[in-house]
Every structure is written in structure tokens, then in C-alpha cells.
């Protein structure tokens, strides 16, 4: 029997260390995902960066990977147009301002008028409103991934239909 490989409709779990480079200071640590709590994704369904998926394609459990992805193939360049000022009134709950929500550095899940999910980081709050940045925190940064394939399994039909993993063993988790 052929060992299962990272190909379309496989559920792949990876552990990795991600380093980022802003072009000035060199690569520095950003995050580590361990073997005991790996990142699961459905291969071939646009759930990870295309260049990272290319680097993983055809690999088996235990295989390692290392890839550097330029910002243009990662999360794009930083875009100042993705900043917005939203009226403070939009953040009131039951008529009261939610002070905890509006702390500088907080990331607030939001939705645009077309229903697209977005995340906005609070930059400041002043008389004009809540200043939010909708750029990815990795925008404008070159990325360097080093890791290994922890597990691979066939996706369940529902996972393929939905286009994402429901959990390590296929159970829906939220």
C-alpha cells in the first residue's frame, strides 16, 4: 500500500516555526506550532498560502519542509488604504461603550457590507472614532517556514463539501 501523501482532499497536519522579515532587521521568530498541537488544513482548497501548499505537495508523514515566501506571494504589501475610522457608536452594546473591546492592539472580528469576514486591529480611539487597521499582521513581511508533516488522513466527504477540516479526526469543532 502506498503511503498517503499531501495531495488534494487530504487532511494534513503540520508543525512549523515561522520567521518573518520586514526587510530591515532580518528574519525574527513569529510563531511556533508544535507536534502536539499541529495546524490541520484541507489540502487543495485554498486554506493556506499557495506557495506553502506547493512546498508540501507529495510529502508524507515525517517529511520536513523549509520555504521562504516573499511578501508578494504571502499576505501582500502593507496597504494604507486598509485603514478605516469607524464611529464609536458602532461599538456600543446595550447603549454602553465597550471599553474592553476598544483597547489599543485588540483585534476585533468584523464583517463588511458584502458579508466578508475581516479582522481590524484597534490603532487608537479619539474624537473622530475608532481607528482600525484591516491589513494582515503579516502584510509586507517575507515569511520563512520550517517544519514537518505530522499526520495525513483522507478527508471525510463533508469536509470536502465544506472546503475545510472539521477537526483532527473529522469531528466538527468550534
C-alpha atoms as a PDB file:
ATOM      1  CA  UNK A   1       0.000   0.000   0.000  1.00  0.00           C
ATOM      2  CA  UNK A   2       1.347   3.441  -0.953  1.00  0.00           C
ATOM      3  CA  UNK A   3       1.854   5.793   1.990  1.00  0.00           C
ATOM      4  CA  UNK A   4      -0.713   8.598   1.899  1.00  0.00           C
ATOM      5  CA  UNK A   5       0.728  11.867   0.641  1.00  0.00           C
ATOM      6  CA  UNK A   6      -0.187  15.538   0.841  1.00  0.00           C
ATOM      7  CA  UNK A   7      -2.489  15.825  -2.170  1.00  0.00           C
ATOM      8  CA  UNK A   8      -5.923  17.273  -2.964  1.00  0.00           C
ATOM      9  CA  UNK A   9      -8.619  16.335  -0.430  1.00  0.00           C
ATOM     10  CA  UNK A  10      -6.153  15.049   2.184  1.00  0.00           C
ATOM     11  CA  UNK A  11      -6.306  16.440   5.720  1.00  0.00           C
ATOM     12  CA  UNK A  12      -2.736  17.425   6.509  1.00  0.00           C
ATOM     13  CA  UNK A  13      -1.360  18.362   9.927  1.00  0.00           C
ATOM     14  CA  UNK A  14       1.899  20.292  10.122  1.00  0.00           C
ATOM     15  CA  UNK A  15       4.144  21.604  12.856  1.00  0.00           C
ATOM     16  CA  UNK A  16       6.347  24.563  12.000  1.00  0.00           C
ATOM     17  CA  UNK A  17       8.285  27.589  13.078  1.00  0.00           C
ATOM     18  CA  UNK A  18       7.536  30.812  11.221  1.00  0.00           C
ATOM     19  CA  UNK A  19      10.146  33.557  10.954  1.00  0.00           C
ATOM     20  CA  UNK A  20       9.332  36.942   9.401  1.00  0.00           C
ATOM     21  CA  UNK A  21      11.496  39.622   7.807  1.00  0.00           C
ATOM     22  CA  UNK A  22      10.405  43.233   7.401  1.00  0.00           C
ATOM     23  CA  UNK A  23      13.304  43.863   5.000  1.00  0.00           C
ATOM     24  CA  UNK A  24      15.316  45.812   7.566  1.00  0.00           C
ATOM     25  CA  UNK A  25      16.079  43.705  10.642  1.00  0.00           C
ATOM     26  CA  UNK A  26      16.453  40.223   9.106  1.00  0.00           C
ATOM     27  CA  UNK A  27      14.388  37.188   9.972  1.00  0.00           C
ATOM     28  CA  UNK A  28      12.988  37.009  13.501  1.00  0.00           C
ATOM     29  CA  UNK A  29      10.745  34.493  15.282  1.00  0.00           C
ATOM     30  CA  UNK A  30       6.992  34.982  14.853  1.00  0.00           C
ATOM     31  CA  UNK A  31       5.291  31.745  15.941  1.00  0.00           C
ATOM     32  CA  UNK A  32       5.794  28.042  16.583  1.00  0.00           C
ATOM     33  CA  UNK A  33       3.169  25.346  16.063  1.00  0.00           C
ATOM     34  CA  UNK A  34       4.140  22.113  17.842  1.00  0.00           C
ATOM     35  CA  UNK A  35       3.746  18.424  17.006  1.00  0.00           C
ATOM     36  CA  UNK A  36       1.376  18.047  19.966  1.00  0.00           C
ATOM     37  CA  UNK A  37      -0.966  20.791  18.704  1.00  0.00           C
ATOM     38  CA  UNK A  38      -0.362  20.901  14.926  1.00  0.00           C
ATOM     39  CA  UNK A  39      -2.120  23.008  12.307  1.00  0.00           C
ATOM     40  CA  UNK A  40      -4.692  20.997  10.310  1.00  0.00           C
ATOM     41  CA  UNK A  41      -5.886  22.005   6.852  1.00  0.00           C
ATOM     42  CA  UNK A  42      -7.655  20.521   3.843  1.00  0.00           C
ATOM     43  CA  UNK A  43      -5.121  20.246   1.038  1.00  0.00           C
ATOM     44  CA  UNK A  44      -6.063  21.794  -2.313  1.00  0.00           C
ATOM     45  CA  UNK A  45      -8.875  24.040  -1.027  1.00  0.00           C
ATOM     46  CA  UNK A  46      -7.086  27.421  -0.688  1.00  0.00           C
ATOM     47  CA  UNK A  47      -6.824  27.130   3.110  1.00  0.00           C
ATOM     48  CA  UNK A  48      -3.112  28.031   3.239  1.00  0.00           C
ATOM     49  CA  UNK A  49      -0.750  30.172   1.172  1.00  0.00           C
ATOM     50  CA  UNK A  50      -0.399  28.676  -2.345  1.00  0.00           C
ATOM     51  CA  UNK A  51       3.435  28.681  -2.200  1.00  0.00           C
ATOM     52  CA  UNK A  52       3.387  26.831   1.132  1.00  0.00           C
ATOM     53  CA  UNK A  53       0.973  24.263  -0.275  1.00  0.00           C
ATOM     54  CA  UNK A  54       3.295  23.794  -3.302  1.00  0.00           C
ATOM     55  CA  UNK A  55       6.188  23.068  -0.904  1.00  0.00           C
ATOM     56  CA  UNK A  56       4.112  20.414   0.904  1.00  0.00           C
ATOM     57  CA  UNK A  57       2.628  18.682  -2.136  1.00  0.00           C
ATOM     58  CA  UNK A  58       3.526  15.000  -2.410  1.00  0.00           C
ATOM     59  CA  UNK A  59       5.180  14.829   1.017  1.00  0.00           C
ATOM     60  CA  UNK A  60       4.458  12.041   3.542  1.00  0.00           C
ATOM     61  CA  UNK A  61       4.223  11.916   7.332  1.00  0.00           C
ATOM     62  CA  UNK A  62       7.613  12.707   8.872  1.00  0.00           C
ATOM     63  CA  UNK A  63       8.872  14.637   5.832  1.00  0.00           C
ATOM     64  CA  UNK A  64      10.286  18.062   6.624  1.00  0.00           C
ATOM     65  CA  UNK A  65       9.878  21.276   4.659  1.00  0.00           C
ATOM     66  CA  UNK A  66      11.541  24.673   4.517  1.00  0.00           C
ATOM     67  CA  UNK A  67      10.407  27.532   2.307  1.00  0.00           C
ATOM     68  CA  UNK A  68      10.872  31.277   2.121  1.00  0.00           C
ATOM     69  CA  UNK A  69       7.896  33.147   0.685  1.00  0.00           C
ATOM     70  CA  UNK A  70       8.257  36.768  -0.384  1.00  0.00           C
ATOM     71  CA  UNK A  71       5.553  39.159   0.834  1.00  0.00           C
ATOM     72  CA  UNK A  72       4.109  39.395  -2.687  1.00  0.00           C
ATOM     73  CA  UNK A  73       3.283  35.656  -2.537  1.00  0.00           C
ATOM     74  CA  UNK A  74       2.360  35.814   1.151  1.00  0.00           C
ATOM     75  CA  UNK A  75      -0.060  38.367   2.537  1.00  0.00           C
ATOM     76  CA  UNK A  76       0.786  41.117   0.056  1.00  0.00           C
ATOM     77  CA  UNK A  77       2.261  44.514   0.696  1.00  0.00           C
ATOM     78  CA  UNK A  78       1.065  46.682   3.555  1.00  0.00           C
ATOM     79  CA  UNK A  79      -1.817  48.804   2.209  1.00  0.00           C
ATOM     80  CA  UNK A  80      -2.519  52.126   3.965  1.00  0.00           C
ATOM     81  CA  UNK A  81      -5.958  52.136   2.253  1.00  0.00           C
ATOM     82  CA  UNK A  82      -6.947  49.226   4.523  1.00  0.00           C
ATOM     83  CA  UNK A  83      -7.161  51.575   7.497  1.00  0.00           C
ATOM     84  CA  UNK A  84     -10.534  53.000   8.489  1.00  0.00           C
ATOM     85  CA  UNK A  85     -12.133  55.192  11.108  1.00  0.00           C
ATOM     86  CA  UNK A  86     -15.445  53.809  12.348  1.00  0.00           C
ATOM     87  CA  UNK A  87     -17.826  55.800  14.583  1.00  0.00           C
ATOM     88  CA  UNK A  88     -17.616  54.865  18.261  1.00  0.00           C
ATOM     89  CA  UNK A  89     -21.403  54.432  18.299  1.00  0.00           C
ATOM     90  CA  UNK A  90     -20.960  51.261  16.188  1.00  0.00           C
ATOM     91  CA  UNK A  91     -19.222  49.601  19.132  1.00  0.00           C
ATOM     92  CA  UNK A  92     -21.860  50.241  21.792  1.00  0.00           C
ATOM     93  CA  UNK A  93     -23.576  47.285  23.398  1.00  0.00           C
ATOM     94  CA  UNK A  94     -26.936  47.963  25.021  1.00  0.00           C
ATOM     95  CA  UNK A  95     -26.229  51.688  24.789  1.00  0.00           C
ATOM     96  CA  UNK A  96     -22.872  51.470  26.595  1.00  0.00           C
ATOM     97  CA  UNK A  97     -19.388  51.822  25.131  1.00  0.00           C
ATOM     98  CA  UNK A  98     -17.472  48.557  25.409  1.00  0.00           C
ATOM     99  CA  UNK A  99     -14.150  49.833  26.817  1.00  0.00           C
ATOM    100  CA  UNK A 100     -12.522  46.378  26.927  1.00  0.00           C
ATOM    101  CA  UNK A 101     -13.183  45.860  23.213  1.00  0.00           C
ATOM    102  CA  UNK A 102     -11.658  49.191  22.196  1.00  0.00           C
ATOM    103  CA  UNK A 103      -8.224  48.773  23.803  1.00  0.00           C
ATOM    104  CA  UNK A 104      -5.281  49.604  21.525  1.00  0.00           C
ATOM    105  CA  UNK A 105      -3.890  46.426  19.962  1.00  0.00           C
ATOM    106  CA  UNK A 106      -7.148  44.469  20.286  1.00  0.00           C
ATOM    107  CA  UNK A 107      -8.222  42.605  17.174  1.00  0.00           C
ATOM    108  CA  UNK A 108     -11.948  42.833  16.504  1.00  0.00           C
ATOM    109  CA  UNK A 109     -13.702  40.362  14.182  1.00  0.00           C
ATOM    110  CA  UNK A 110     -15.917  42.303  11.789  1.00  0.00           C
ATOM    111  CA  UNK A 111     -17.867  41.924   8.571  1.00  0.00           C
ATOM    112  CA  UNK A 112     -18.043  44.193   5.537  1.00  0.00           C
ATOM    113  CA  UNK A 113     -21.280  45.112   3.750  1.00  0.00           C
ATOM    114  CA  UNK A 114     -20.896  42.046   1.487  1.00  0.00           C
ATOM    115  CA  UNK A 115     -20.639  39.642   4.453  1.00  0.00           C
ATOM    116  CA  UNK A 116     -16.874  39.050   4.139  1.00  0.00           C
ATOM    117  CA  UNK A 117     -15.134  38.268   7.436  1.00  0.00           C
ATOM    118  CA  UNK A 118     -12.405  40.730   8.378  1.00  0.00           C
ATOM    119  CA  UNK A 119     -10.258  41.466  11.388  1.00  0.00           C
ATOM    120  CA  UNK A 120      -9.469  45.002  12.464  1.00  0.00           C
ATOM    121  CA  UNK A 121      -6.717  45.931  14.890  1.00  0.00           C
ATOM    122  CA  UNK A 122      -7.509  48.922  17.098  1.00  0.00           C
ATOM    123  CA  UNK A 123      -4.823  51.573  16.488  1.00  0.00           C
ATOM    124  CA  UNK A 124      -6.353  54.374  18.548  1.00  0.00           C
ATOM    125  CA  UNK A 125      -9.642  55.811  19.728  1.00  0.00           C
ATOM    126  CA  UNK A 126     -10.208  59.561  19.606  1.00  0.00           C
ATOM    127  CA  UNK A 127     -12.855  62.196  18.895  1.00  0.00           C
ATOM    128  CA  UNK A 128     -13.015  61.048  15.237  1.00  0.00           C
ATOM    129  CA  UNK A 129     -13.864  57.436  16.122  1.00  0.00           C
ATOM    130  CA  UNK A 130     -12.173  54.057  16.318  1.00  0.00           C
ATOM    131  CA  UNK A 131      -9.091  53.835  14.083  1.00  0.00           C
ATOM    132  CA  UNK A 132      -8.780  50.284  12.719  1.00  0.00           C
ATOM    133  CA  UNK A 133      -6.179  48.558  10.549  1.00  0.00           C
ATOM    134  CA  UNK A 134      -7.537  45.730   8.375  1.00  0.00           C
ATOM    135  CA  UNK A 135      -4.144  44.637   6.983  1.00  0.00           C
ATOM    136  CA  UNK A 136      -2.952  41.170   7.932  1.00  0.00           C
ATOM    137  CA  UNK A 137      -0.328  41.386  10.692  1.00  0.00           C
ATOM    138  CA  UNK A 138       1.927  39.604   8.162  1.00  0.00           C
ATOM    139  CA  UNK A 139       1.340  42.115   5.329  1.00  0.00           C
ATOM    140  CA  UNK A 140       4.587  43.414   3.863  1.00  0.00           C
ATOM    141  CA  UNK A 141       6.686  40.693   5.506  1.00  0.00           C
ATOM    142  CA  UNK A 142       8.713  37.917   3.893  1.00  0.00           C
ATOM    143  CA  UNK A 143       7.926  34.582   5.554  1.00  0.00           C
ATOM    144  CA  UNK A 144      10.187  31.633   6.299  1.00  0.00           C
ATOM    145  CA  UNK A 145       8.519  28.346   7.287  1.00  0.00           C
ATOM    146  CA  UNK A 146      10.434  25.333   8.610  1.00  0.00           C
ATOM    147  CA  UNK A 147       8.563  22.286   9.794  1.00  0.00           C
ATOM    148  CA  UNK A 148       7.357  18.788   9.166  1.00  0.00           C
ATOM    149  CA  UNK A 149       4.267  16.798   8.269  1.00  0.00           C
ATOM    150  CA  UNK A 150       2.785  15.367  11.477  1.00  0.00           C
ATOM    151  CA  UNK A 151      -0.148  13.417  10.044  1.00  0.00           C
ATOM    152  CA  UNK A 152      -2.187  12.904   6.884  1.00  0.00           C
ATOM    153  CA  UNK A 153      -5.598  11.311   6.509  1.00  0.00           C
ATOM    154  CA  UNK A 154      -8.278  11.168   3.857  1.00  0.00           C
ATOM    155  CA  UNK A 155     -10.843  13.925   4.196  1.00  0.00           C
ATOM    156  CA  UNK A 156     -14.411  12.992   5.003  1.00  0.00           C
ATOM    157  CA  UNK A 157     -16.985  13.779   2.279  1.00  0.00           C
ATOM    158  CA  UNK A 158     -18.480  16.585   4.414  1.00  0.00           C
ATOM    159  CA  UNK A 159     -15.071  18.192   4.814  1.00  0.00           C
ATOM    160  CA  UNK A 160     -14.530  18.179   1.035  1.00  0.00           C
ATOM    161  CA  UNK A 161     -18.051  19.592   0.518  1.00  0.00           C
ATOM    162  CA  UNK A 162     -17.443  22.348   3.078  1.00  0.00           C
ATOM    163  CA  UNK A 163     -13.878  23.047   1.902  1.00  0.00           C
ATOM    164  CA  UNK A 164     -12.309  22.857   5.373  1.00  0.00           C
ATOM    165  CA  UNK A 165     -11.274  20.451   8.132  1.00  0.00           C
ATOM    166  CA  UNK A 166     -13.796  19.692  10.867  1.00  0.00           C
ATOM    167  CA  UNK A 167     -11.152  18.590  13.366  1.00  0.00           C
ATOM    168  CA  UNK A 168      -8.213  16.194  13.794  1.00  0.00           C
ATOM    169  CA  UNK A 169     -10.458  13.132  13.410  1.00  0.00           C
ATOM    170  CA  UNK A 170     -13.152  14.750  11.246  1.00  0.00           C
ATOM    171  CA  UNK A 171     -15.427  15.756  14.122  1.00  0.00           C
ATOM    172  CA  UNK A 172     -16.880  19.266  13.923  1.00  0.00           C
ATOM    173  CA  UNK A 173     -15.146  21.583  16.418  1.00  0.00           C
ATOM    174  CA  UNK A 174     -15.889  25.213  17.174  1.00  0.00           C
END
